[in-house]
Amino acid sequence: AALPATTYNGDTYTSTLWDGWRITHANKDLKEI
C-alpha cells in the first residue's frame, strides 16, 4: 500500500523490494525447455 501505483512491476525490479519466492506456471516461450 506504500508503493506508488506507478511502481515498475517486472520481476527483476520487484524482487529487490521483497523477500520470498514465486512459482512460474508454464507459458509460451521461445525457450521451450
ModelCIF file with pLDDT and N, C-alpha, C, O atoms, coordinates in Angstrom:
data_MODEL
#
_entry.id   MODEL 
#
_entity.id                         1 
_entity.type                       polymer 
_entity.pdbx_number_of_molecules   1 
#
_entity_poly.entity_id                      1 
_entity_poly.type                           'polypeptide(L)' 
_entity_poly.nstd_linkage                   no 
_entity_poly.nstd_monomer                   no 
_entity_poly.pdbx_seq_one_letter_code       AALPATTYNGDTYTSTLWDGWRITHANKDLKEI 
_entity_poly.pdbx_seq_one_letter_code_can   AALPATTYNGDTYTSTLWDGWRITHANKDLKEI 
_entity_poly.pdbx_strand_id                 A 
#
loop_
_entity_poly_seq.entity_id 
_entity_poly_seq.num 
_entity_poly_seq.mon_id 
_entity_poly_seq.hetero 
1 1  ALA n 
1 2  ALA n 
1 3  LEU n 
1 4  PRO n 
1 5  ALA n 
1 6  THR n 
1 7  THR n 
1 8  TYR n 
1 9  ASN n 
1 10 GLY n 
1 11 ASP n 
1 12 THR n 
1 13 TYR n 
1 14 THR n 
1 15 SER n 
1 16 THR n 
1 17 LEU n 
1 18 TRP n 
1 19 ASP n 
1 20 GLY n 
1 21 TRP n 
1 22 ARG n 
1 23 ILE n 
1 24 THR n 
1 25 HIS n 
1 26 ALA n 
1 27 ASN n 
1 28 LYS n 
1 29 ASP n 
1 30 LEU n 
1 31 LYS n 
1 32 GLU n 
1 33 ILE n 
#
_struct_asym.id          A 
_struct_asym.entity_id   1 
#
loop_
_ma_qa_metric.id 
_ma_qa_metric.mode 
_ma_qa_metric.name 
_ma_qa_metric.software_group_id 
_ma_qa_metric.type 
1 global pLDDT . pLDDT 
2 local  pLDDT . pLDDT 
#
_ma_qa_metric_global.metric_id      1 
_ma_qa_metric_global.metric_value   83.09 
_ma_qa_metric_global.model_id       1 
_ma_qa_metric_global.ordinal_id     1 
#
loop_
_ma_qa_metric_local.label_asym_id 
_ma_qa_metric_local.label_comp_id 
_ma_qa_metric_local.label_seq_id 
_ma_qa_metric_local.metric_id 
_ma_qa_metric_local.metric_value 
_ma_qa_metric_local.model_id 
_ma_qa_metric_local.ordinal_id 
A ALA 1  2 91.00 1 1  
A ALA 2  2 92.00 1 2  
A LEU 3  2 89.00 1 3  
A PRO 4  2 86.00 1 4  
A ALA 5  2 80.00 1 5  
A THR 6  2 81.00 1 6  
A THR 7  2 86.00 1 7  
A TYR 8  2 86.00 1 8  
A ASN 9  2 86.00 1 9  
A GLY 10 2 88.00 1 10 
A ASP 11 2 90.00 1 11 
A THR 12 2 89.00 1 12 
A TYR 13 2 90.00 1 13 
A THR 14 2 89.00 1 14 
A SER 15 2 93.00 1 15 
A THR 16 2 93.00 1 16 
A LEU 17 2 94.00 1 17 
A TRP 18 2 94.00 1 18 
A ASP 19 2 97.00 1 19 
A GLY 20 2 98.00 1 20 
A TRP 21 2 98.00 1 21 
A ARG 22 2 97.00 1 22 
A ILE 23 2 96.00 1 23 
A THR 24 2 92.00 1 24 
A HIS 25 2 88.00 1 25 
A ALA 26 2 71.00 1 26 
A ASN 27 2 73.00 1 27 
A LYS 28 2 66.00 1 28 
A ASP 29 2 57.00 1 29 
A LEU 30 2 53.00 1 30 
A LYS 31 2 55.00 1 31 
A GLU 32 2 53.00 1 32 
A ILE 33 2 51.00 1 33 
#
loop_
_atom_site.group_PDB 
_atom_site.id 
_atom_site.type_symbol 
_atom_site.label_atom_id 
_atom_site.label_alt_id 
_atom_site.label_comp_id 
_atom_site.label_asym_id 
_atom_site.label_entity_id 
_atom_site.label_seq_id 
_atom_site.pdbx_PDB_ins_code 
_atom_site.Cartn_x 
_atom_site.Cartn_y 
_atom_site.Cartn_z 
_atom_site.occupancy 
_atom_site.B_iso_or_equiv 
_atom_site.pdbx_formal_charge 
_atom_site.auth_seq_id 
_atom_site.auth_comp_id 
_atom_site.auth_asym_id 
_atom_site.auth_atom_id 
_atom_site.pdbx_PDB_model_num 
ATOM 1   N N  . ALA A 1 1  ? 0.820  -1.210  0.000   1.00 91.00 ? 1  ALA A N  1 
ATOM 2   C CA . ALA A 1 1  ? 0.000  0.000   0.000   1.00 91.00 ? 1  ALA A CA 1 
ATOM 3   C C  . ALA A 1 1  ? 0.856  1.263   0.000   1.00 91.00 ? 1  ALA A C  1 
ATOM 4   O O  . ALA A 1 1  ? 0.385  2.338   -0.371  1.00 91.00 ? 1  ALA A O  1 
ATOM 5   N N  . ALA A 1 2  ? 2.112  1.129   0.417   1.00 92.00 ? 2  ALA A N  1 
ATOM 6   C CA . ALA A 1 2  ? 3.002  2.291   0.477   1.00 92.00 ? 2  ALA A CA 1 
ATOM 7   C C  . ALA A 1 2  ? 3.728  2.542   -0.843  1.00 92.00 ? 2  ALA A C  1 
ATOM 8   O O  . ALA A 1 2  ? 4.404  3.559   -0.993  1.00 92.00 ? 2  ALA A O  1 
ATOM 9   N N  . LEU A 1 3  ? 3.592  1.623   -1.798  1.00 89.00 ? 3  LEU A N  1 
ATOM 10  C CA . LEU A 1 3  ? 4.273  1.778   -3.078  1.00 89.00 ? 3  LEU A CA 1 
ATOM 11  C C  . LEU A 1 3  ? 3.433  2.628   -4.028  1.00 89.00 ? 3  LEU A C  1 
ATOM 12  O O  . LEU A 1 3  ? 2.212  2.475   -4.057  1.00 89.00 ? 3  LEU A O  1 
ATOM 13  N N  . PRO A 1 4  ? 4.048  3.518   -4.802  1.00 86.00 ? 4  PRO A N  1 
ATOM 14  C CA . PRO A 1 4  ? 3.293  4.273   -5.808  1.00 86.00 ? 4  PRO A CA 1 
ATOM 15  C C  . PRO A 1 4  ? 2.666  3.328   -6.824  1.00 86.00 ? 4  PRO A C  1 
ATOM 16  O O  . PRO A 1 4  ? 3.250  2.298   -7.162  1.00 86.00 ? 4  PRO A O  1 
ATOM 17  N N  . ALA A 1 5  ? 1.480  3.677   -7.312  1.00 80.00 ? 5  ALA A N  1 
ATOM 18  C CA . ALA A 1 5  ? 0.811  2.845   -8.313  1.00 80.00 ? 5  ALA A CA 1 
ATOM 19  C C  . ALA A 1 5  ? 1.640  2.724   -9.580  1.00 80.00 ? 5  ALA A C  1 
ATOM 20  O O  . ALA A 1 5  ? 1.436  1.795   -10.363 1.00 80.00 ? 5  ALA A O  1 
ATOM 21  N N  . THR A 1 6  ? 2.563  3.639   -9.795  1.00 81.00 ? 6  THR A N  1 
ATOM 22  C CA . THR A 1 6  ? 3.402  3.630   -10.990 1.00 81.00 ? 6  THR A CA 1 
ATOM 23  C C  . THR A 1 6  ? 4.663  2.781   -10.827 1.00 81.00 ? 6  THR A C  1 
ATOM 24  O O  . THR A 1 6  ? 5.503  2.751   -11.727 1.00 81.00 ? 6  THR A O  1 
ATOM 25  N N  . THR A 1 7  ? 4.808  2.094   -9.699  1.00 86.00 ? 7  THR A N  1 
ATOM 26  C CA . THR A 1 7  ? 5.990  1.259   -9.471  1.00 86.00 ? 7  THR A CA 1 
ATOM 27  C C  . THR A 1 7  ? 6.117  0.214   -10.571 1.00 86.00 ? 7  THR A C  1 
ATOM 28  O O  . THR A 1 7  ? 5.147  -0.476  -10.884 1.00 86.00 ? 7  THR A O  1 
ATOM 29  N N  . TYR A 1 8  ? 7.300  0.089   -11.159 1.00 86.00 ? 8  TYR A N  1 
ATOM 30  C CA . TYR A 1 8  ? 7.534  -0.926  -12.183 1.00 86.00 ? 8  TYR A CA 1 
ATOM 31  C C  . TYR A 1 8  ? 7.360  -2.295  -11.563 1.00 86.00 ? 8  TYR A C  1 
ATOM 32  O O  . TYR A 1 8  ? 7.914  -2.572  -10.500 1.00 86.00 ? 8  TYR A O  1 
ATOM 33  N N  . ASN A 1 9  ? 6.596  -3.155  -12.216 1.00 86.00 ? 9  ASN A N  1 
ATOM 34  C CA . ASN A 1 9  ? 6.273  -4.441  -11.597 1.00 86.00 ? 9  ASN A CA 1 
ATOM 35  C C  . ASN A 1 9  ? 6.907  -5.644  -12.272 1.00 86.00 ? 9  ASN A C  1 
ATOM 36  O O  . ASN A 1 9  ? 6.466  -6.772  -12.053 1.00 86.00 ? 9  ASN A O  1 
ATOM 37  N N  . GLY A 1 10 ? 7.935  -5.429  -13.090 1.00 88.00 ? 10 GLY A N  1 
ATOM 38  C CA . GLY A 1 10 ? 8.668  -6.555  -13.643 1.00 88.00 ? 10 GLY A CA 1 
ATOM 39  C C  . GLY A 1 10 ? 9.371  -7.339  -12.543 1.00 88.00 ? 10 GLY A C  1 
ATOM 40  O O  . GLY A 1 10 ? 9.669  -6.793  -11.481 1.00 88.00 ? 10 GLY A O  1 
ATOM 41  N N  . ASP A 1 11 ? 9.633  -8.602  -12.790 1.00 90.00 ? 11 ASP A N  1 
ATOM 42  C CA . ASP A 1 11 ? 10.151 -9.484  -11.747 1.00 90.00 ? 11 ASP A CA 1 
ATOM 43  C C  . ASP A 1 11 ? 11.536 -9.069  -11.269 1.00 90.00 ? 11 ASP A C  1 
ATOM 44  O O  . ASP A 1 11 ? 11.816 -9.133  -10.072 1.00 90.00 ? 11 ASP A O  1 
ATOM 45  N N  . THR A 1 12 ? 12.399 -8.647  -12.174 1.00 89.00 ? 12 THR A N  1 
ATOM 46  C CA . THR A 1 12 ? 13.755 -8.279  -11.774 1.00 89.00 ? 12 THR A CA 1 
ATOM 47  C C  . THR A 1 12 ? 13.735 -7.119  -10.791 1.00 89.00 ? 12 THR A C  1 
ATOM 48  O O  . THR A 1 12 ? 14.462 -7.134  -9.797  1.00 89.00 ? 12 THR A O  1 
ATOM 49  N N  . TYR A 1 13 ? 12.899 -6.104  -11.064 1.00 90.00 ? 13 TYR A N  1 
ATOM 50  C CA . TYR A 1 13 ? 12.820 -4.964  -10.156 1.00 90.00 ? 13 TYR A CA 1 
ATOM 51  C C  . TYR A 1 13 ? 12.052 -5.318  -8.890  1.00 90.00 ? 13 TYR A C  1 
ATOM 52  O O  . TYR A 1 13 ? 12.487 -4.982  -7.789  1.00 90.00 ? 13 TYR A O  1 
ATOM 53  N N  . THR A 1 14 ? 10.913 -5.992  -9.036  1.00 89.00 ? 14 THR A N  1 
ATOM 54  C CA . THR A 1 14 ? 10.086 -6.331  -7.872  1.00 89.00 ? 14 THR A CA 1 
ATOM 55  C C  . THR A 1 14 ? 10.859 -7.170  -6.865  1.00 89.00 ? 14 THR A C  1 
ATOM 56  O O  . THR A 1 14 ? 10.656 -7.037  -5.658  1.00 89.00 ? 14 THR A O  1 
ATOM 57  N N  . SER A 1 15 ? 11.730 -8.020  -7.346  1.00 93.00 ? 15 SER A N  1 
ATOM 58  C CA . SER A 1 15 ? 12.475 -8.902  -6.447  1.00 93.00 ? 15 SER A CA 1 
ATOM 59  C C  . SER A 1 15 ? 13.392 -8.134  -5.509  1.00 93.00 ? 15 SER A C  1 
ATOM 60  O O  . SER A 1 15 ? 13.812 -8.671  -4.484  1.00 93.00 ? 15 SER A O  1 
ATOM 61  N N  . THR A 1 16 ? 13.713 -6.882  -5.842  1.00 93.00 ? 16 THR A N  1 
ATOM 62  C CA . THR A 1 16 ? 14.551 -6.083  -4.943  1.00 93.00 ? 16 THR A CA 1 
ATOM 63  C C  . THR A 1 16 ? 13.735 -5.483  -3.799  1.00 93.00 ? 16 THR A C  1 
ATOM 64  O O  . THR A 1 16 ? 14.308 -4.999  -2.823  1.00 93.00 ? 16 THR A O  1 
ATOM 65  N N  . LEU A 1 17 ? 12.410 -5.508  -3.907  1.00 94.00 ? 17 LEU A N  1 
ATOM 66  C CA . LEU A 1 17 ? 11.538 -4.898  -2.904  1.00 94.00 ? 17 LEU A CA 1 
ATOM 67  C C  . LEU A 1 17 ? 11.085 -5.885  -1.828  1.00 94.00 ? 17 LEU A C  1 
ATOM 68  O O  . LEU A 1 17 ? 10.625 -5.479  -0.760  1.00 94.00 ? 17 LEU A O  1 
ATOM 69  N N  . TRP A 1 18 ? 11.216 -7.179  -2.112  1.00 94.00 ? 18 TRP A N  1 
ATOM 70  C CA . TRP A 1 18 ? 10.617 -8.188  -1.244  1.00 94.00 ? 18 TRP A CA 1 
ATOM 71  C C  . TRP A 1 18 ? 11.600 -9.300  -0.911  1.00 94.00 ? 18 TRP A C  1 
ATOM 72  O O  . TRP A 1 18 ? 12.574 -9.531  -1.627  1.00 94.00 ? 18 TRP A O  1 
ATOM 73  N N  . ASP A 1 19 ? 11.325 -9.971  0.180   1.00 97.00 ? 19 ASP A N  1 
ATOM 74  C CA . ASP A 1 19 ? 11.846 -11.306 0.418   1.00 97.00 ? 19 ASP A CA 1 
ATOM 75  C C  . ASP A 1 19 ? 10.733 -12.272 0.058   1.00 97.00 ? 19 ASP A C  1 
ATOM 76  O O  . ASP A 1 19 ? 9.562  -11.895 0.037   1.00 97.00 ? 19 ASP A O  1 
ATOM 77  N N  . GLY A 1 20 ? 11.096 -13.522 -0.227  1.00 98.00 ? 20 GLY A N  1 
ATOM 78  C CA . GLY A 1 20 ? 10.067 -14.508 -0.539  1.00 98.00 ? 20 GLY A CA 1 
ATOM 79  C C  . GLY A 1 20 ? 10.404 -15.316 -1.764  1.00 98.00 ? 20 GLY A C  1 
ATOM 80  O O  . GLY A 1 20 ? 11.573 -15.582 -2.045  1.00 98.00 ? 20 GLY A O  1 
ATOM 81  N N  . TRP A 1 21 ? 9.363  -15.712 -2.507  1.00 98.00 ? 21 TRP A N  1 
ATOM 82  C CA . TRP A 1 21 ? 9.551  -16.555 -3.673  1.00 98.00 ? 21 TRP A CA 1 
ATOM 83  C C  . TRP A 1 21 ? 8.297  -16.520 -4.544  1.00 98.00 ? 21 TRP A C  1 
ATOM 84  O O  . TRP A 1 21 ? 7.225  -16.103 -4.104  1.00 98.00 ? 21 TRP A O  1 
ATOM 85  N N  . ARG A 1 22 ? 8.458  -16.966 -5.782  1.00 97.00 ? 22 ARG A N  1 
ATOM 86  C CA . ARG A 1 22 ? 7.305  -17.085 -6.678  1.00 97.00 ? 22 ARG A CA 1 
ATOM 87  C C  . ARG A 1 22 ? 7.518  -18.284 -7.605  1.00 97.00 ? 22 ARG A C  1 
ATOM 88  O O  . ARG A 1 22 ? 8.646  -18.646 -7.939  1.00 97.00 ? 22 ARG A O  1 
ATOM 89  N N  . ILE A 1 23 ? 6.405  -18.883 -8.005  1.00 96.00 ? 23 ILE A N  1 
ATOM 90  C CA . ILE A 1 23 ? 6.404  -20.015 -8.933  1.00 96.00 ? 23 ILE A CA 1 
ATOM 91  C C  . ILE A 1 23 ? 5.851  -19.543 -10.269 1.00 96.00 ? 23 ILE A C  1 
ATOM 92  O O  . ILE A 1 23 ? 4.827  -18.863 -10.316 1.00 96.00 ? 23 ILE A O  1 
ATOM 93  N N  . THR A 1 24 ? 6.518  -19.898 -11.338 1.00 92.00 ? 24 THR A N  1 
ATOM 94  C CA . THR A 1 24 ? 6.057  -19.572 -12.685 1.00 92.00 ? 24 THR A CA 1 
ATOM 95  C C  . THR A 1 24 ? 5.297  -20.753 -13.259 1.00 92.00 ? 24 THR A C  1 
ATOM 96  O O  . THR A 1 24 ? 5.822  -21.863 -13.353 1.00 92.00 ? 24 THR A O  1 
ATOM 97  N N  . HIS A 1 25 ? 4.046  -20.495 -13.643 1.00 88.00 ? 25 HIS A N  1 
ATOM 98  C CA . HIS A 1 25 ? 3.287  -21.508 -14.372 1.00 88.00 ? 25 HIS A CA 1 
ATOM 99  C C  . HIS A 1 25 ? 3.756  -21.535 -15.818 1.00 88.00 ? 25 HIS A C  1 
ATOM 100 O O  . HIS A 1 25 ? 4.187  -20.521 -16.367 1.00 88.00 ? 25 HIS A O  1 
ATOM 101 N N  . ALA A 1 26 ? 3.667  -22.693 -16.414 1.00 71.00 ? 26 ALA A N  1 
ATOM 102 C CA . ALA A 1 26 ? 4.162  -22.884 -17.777 1.00 71.00 ? 26 ALA A CA 1 
ATOM 103 C C  . ALA A 1 26 ? 3.566  -21.862 -18.721 1.00 71.00 ? 26 ALA A C  1 
ATOM 104 O O  . ALA A 1 26 ? 2.405  -21.478 -18.587 1.00 71.00 ? 26 ALA A O  1 
ATOM 105 N N  . ASN A 1 27 ? 4.376  -21.421 -19.684 1.00 73.00 ? 27 ASN A N  1 
ATOM 106 C CA . ASN A 1 27 ? 3.939  -20.379 -20.599 1.00 73.00 ? 27 ASN A CA 1 
ATOM 107 C C  . ASN A 1 27 ? 4.336  -20.715 -22.020 1.00 73.00 ? 27 ASN A C  1 
ATOM 108 O O  . ASN A 1 27 ? 4.938  -21.756 -22.284 1.00 73.00 ? 27 ASN A O  1 
ATOM 109 N N  . LYS A 1 28 ? 3.989  -19.814 -22.937 1.00 66.00 ? 28 LYS A N  1 
ATOM 110 C CA . LYS A 1 28 ? 4.502  -19.948 -24.292 1.00 66.00 ? 28 LYS A CA 1 
ATOM 111 C C  . LYS A 1 28 ? 5.764  -19.122 -24.386 1.00 66.00 ? 28 LYS A C  1 
ATOM 112 O O  . LYS A 1 28 ? 5.773  -17.949 -24.014 1.00 66.00 ? 28 LYS A O  1 
ATOM 113 N N  . ASP A 1 29 ? 6.822  -19.722 -24.878 1.00 57.00 ? 29 ASP A N  1 
ATOM 114 C CA . ASP A 1 29 ? 8.140  -19.100 -24.823 1.00 57.00 ? 29 ASP A CA 1 
ATOM 115 C C  . ASP A 1 29 ? 8.948  -19.648 -25.989 1.00 57.00 ? 29 ASP A C  1 
ATOM 116 O O  . ASP A 1 29 ? 8.686  -20.746 -26.480 1.00 57.00 ? 29 ASP A O  1 
ATOM 117 N N  . LEU A 1 30 ? 9.916  -18.885 -26.420 1.00 53.00 ? 30 LEU A N  1 
ATOM 118 C CA . LEU A 1 30 ? 10.805 -19.401 -27.453 1.00 53.00 ? 30 LEU A CA 1 
ATOM 119 C C  . LEU A 1 30 ? 11.773 -20.432 -26.895 1.00 53.00 ? 30 LEU A C  1 
ATOM 120 O O  . LEU A 1 30 ? 12.391 -21.184 -27.648 1.00 53.00 ? 30 LEU A O  1 
ATOM 121 N N  . LYS A 1 31 ? 11.904 -20.466 -25.561 1.00 55.00 ? 31 LYS A N  1 
ATOM 122 C CA . LYS A 1 31 ? 12.801 -21.425 -24.906 1.00 55.00 ? 31 LYS A CA 1 
ATOM 123 C C  . LYS A 1 31 ? 11.943 -22.526 -24.305 1.00 55.00 ? 31 LYS A C  1 
ATOM 124 O O  . LYS A 1 31 ? 11.663 -22.511 -23.106 1.00 55.00 ? 31 LYS A O  1 
ATOM 125 N N  . GLU A 1 32 ? 11.523 -23.479 -25.125 1.00 53.00 ? 32 GLU A N  1 
ATOM 126 C CA . GLU A 1 32 ? 10.527 -24.459 -24.701 1.00 53.00 ? 32 GLU A CA 1 
ATOM 127 C C  . GLU A 1 32 ? 10.992 -25.315 -23.524 1.00 53.00 ? 32 GLU A C  1 
ATOM 128 O O  . GLU A 1 32 ? 10.168 -25.769 -22.730 1.00 53.00 ? 32 GLU A O  1 
ATOM 129 N N  . ILE A 1 33 ? 12.287 -25.538 -23.404 1.00 51.00 ? 33 ILE A N  1 
ATOM 130 C CA . ILE A 1 33 ? 12.772 -26.377 -22.302 1.00 51.00 ? 33 ILE A CA 1 
ATOM 131 C C  . ILE A 1 33 ? 12.405 -25.749 -20.966 1.00 51.00 ? 33 ILE A C  1 
ATOM 132 O O  . ILE A 1 33 ? 12.725 -26.304 -19.915 1.00 51.00 ? 33 ILE A O  1 
#
